[in-house]
Protein backbone atom coordinates (compact mmCIF):
# COMPACT_ATOMS: atom_id res chain seq x y z
CA MET A 1 124.73 66.40 88.97
CA THR A 2 128.05 64.52 87.30
CA GLU A 3 127.83 61.17 87.86
CA THR A 4 130.84 59.38 88.80
CA SER A 5 132.31 55.60 89.81
CA GLY A 6 134.75 54.03 91.91
CA LEU A 7 135.66 55.20 95.11
CA SER A 8 132.86 55.81 97.63
CA PRO A 9 132.25 58.40 100.47
CA ALA A 10 134.38 57.76 103.75
CA GLU A 11 135.73 54.96 102.31
CA LEU A 12 138.68 54.30 103.65
CA LEU A 13 141.31 52.90 100.48
CA ASP A 14 145.37 51.69 101.83
CA LEU A 15 146.73 53.04 98.16
CA LYS A 16 150.49 50.59 99.04
CA THR A 17 148.33 47.41 99.74
CA SER A 18 145.51 48.39 96.88
CA ILE A 19 147.36 47.03 94.01
CA SER A 20 150.38 44.39 93.50
CA ILE A 21 153.32 44.83 90.92
CA ASN A 22 153.23 42.26 88.27
CA GLN A 23 155.84 41.12 86.99
CA ASN A 24 156.93 42.53 83.26
CA ALA A 25 153.47 44.61 83.61
CA ILE A 26 152.03 47.81 84.01
CA VAL A 27 148.69 47.02 86.18
CA SER A 28 146.18 50.04 86.51
CA LYS A 29 143.01 50.46 88.86
CA THR A 30 140.30 53.16 88.44
CA LEU A 31 139.75 54.68 91.71
CA ARG A 32 136.93 57.61 90.86
CA LYS A 33 135.72 58.71 87.75
CA SER A 34 133.99 61.70 86.54
CA ALA A 35 133.82 64.13 83.62
CA GLY A 36 136.38 66.69 85.37
CA MET A 37 138.65 64.06 87.21
CA ASN A 38 140.09 60.95 87.29
CA LEU A 39 141.85 59.16 90.10
CA THR A 40 144.18 55.90 88.97
CA LEU A 41 146.67 53.19 90.72
CA PHE A 42 149.36 52.04 88.96
CA ALA A 43 151.76 49.49 89.58
CA PHE A 44 154.62 49.11 87.12
CA ASP A 45 157.89 46.30 87.48
CA GLU A 46 161.34 47.65 86.15
CA ASP A 47 161.65 48.92 83.13
CA GLN A 48 157.61 49.26 82.43
CA GLY A 49 156.24 52.32 81.16
CA LEU A 50 154.29 54.38 79.28
CA SER A 51 155.32 55.67 75.86
CA GLY A 52 155.06 59.35 74.86
CA HIS A 53 151.70 60.96 74.90
CA SER A 54 149.86 63.60 76.26
CA SER A 55 146.25 64.22 77.54
CA PRO A 56 143.29 67.37 77.92
CA MET A 57 143.74 67.11 81.95
CA ASP A 58 146.96 68.18 84.15
CA ALA A 59 147.67 65.10 85.49
CA TYR A 60 149.57 64.78 88.47
CA VAL A 61 152.07 62.19 89.20
CA GLN A 62 152.75 60.87 92.79
CA VAL A 63 155.14 58.10 93.51
CA LEU A 64 154.33 55.64 96.21
CA SER A 65 157.39 53.28 96.21
CA GLY A 66 159.99 52.74 94.00
CA ARG A 67 161.35 54.97 91.21
CA MET A 68 160.20 56.61 88.26
CA LYS A 69 161.68 58.20 85.12
CA VAL A 70 159.00 61.15 84.28
CA THR A 71 160.06 63.10 81.07
CA ILE A 72 157.66 65.81 80.21
CA GLY A 73 158.04 67.88 76.94
CA ASP A 74 161.85 67.98 77.02
CA HIS A 75 162.50 68.31 80.97
CA THR A 76 163.00 64.26 82.71
CA SER A 77 162.83 64.27 86.49
CA THR A 78 163.07 61.44 88.75
CA LEU A 79 160.44 60.82 91.47
CA GLU A 80 160.73 58.85 94.47
CA ALA A 81 158.08 57.45 97.20
CA GLY A 82 156.66 60.44 98.69
CA GLN A 83 157.24 62.85 95.44
CA MET A 84 154.68 64.40 93.29
CA ILE A 85 154.68 66.54 89.65
CA LEU A 86 152.80 67.54 87.22
CA MET A 87 152.21 67.04 83.96
CA PRO A 88 150.04 70.06 81.89
CA ALA A 89 147.55 69.11 79.97
CA THR A 90 148.22 69.34 76.09
CA VAL A 91 152.38 68.42 76.44
CA ASN A 92 153.43 65.00 75.97
CA HIS A 93 154.65 63.01 78.28
CA ALA A 94 155.96 59.73 79.62
CA LEU A 95 156.85 57.60 82.30
CA GLU A 96 159.37 54.84 83.13
CA ALA A 97 159.86 52.84 86.15
CA LEU A 98 163.71 52.39 87.07
CA ALA A 99 162.30 49.39 90.25
CA PRO A 100 159.21 48.45 90.85
CA SER A 101 157.19 51.23 91.94
CA LYS A 102 153.44 52.11 92.13
CA MET A 103 151.67 55.72 91.75
CA LEU A 104 148.75 57.34 92.07
CA LEU A 105 147.73 59.59 89.01
CA THR A 106 144.75 62.36 89.57
CA MET A 107 143.98 63.78 86.12
CA VAL A 108 141.96 66.99 86.66
CA SER A 109 140.33 68.77 84.34
CA VAL A 110 141.28 72.31 82.81
CA GLU A 111 138.28 73.37 81.46
CA LYS A 112 137.03 76.19 82.83
CA LEU A 113 133.54 76.04 84.32
């Protein structure tokens, strides 16, 4: 059995109100973590971001509010509320808030079972 932590079964969570934007900061809140999947809420003040890095897991960014610039390899996209994008495992990626923003990051293991 895989150990998990965070969000409990049947627990109702309002993603937009579960995290606050702090001035000149990035705030994160882990919702669920297990060996094969992580759910994390992020809140970015304008001009805050995560510099280039990669992950061994596929990462899905879903913007809940605001506007985010997402660079994946050599491609840059601007995402607005309601949009999502895949950042594939092992590919360098970076994020920057173009306005105060909230997003849900879902990381999923790409290892074969």
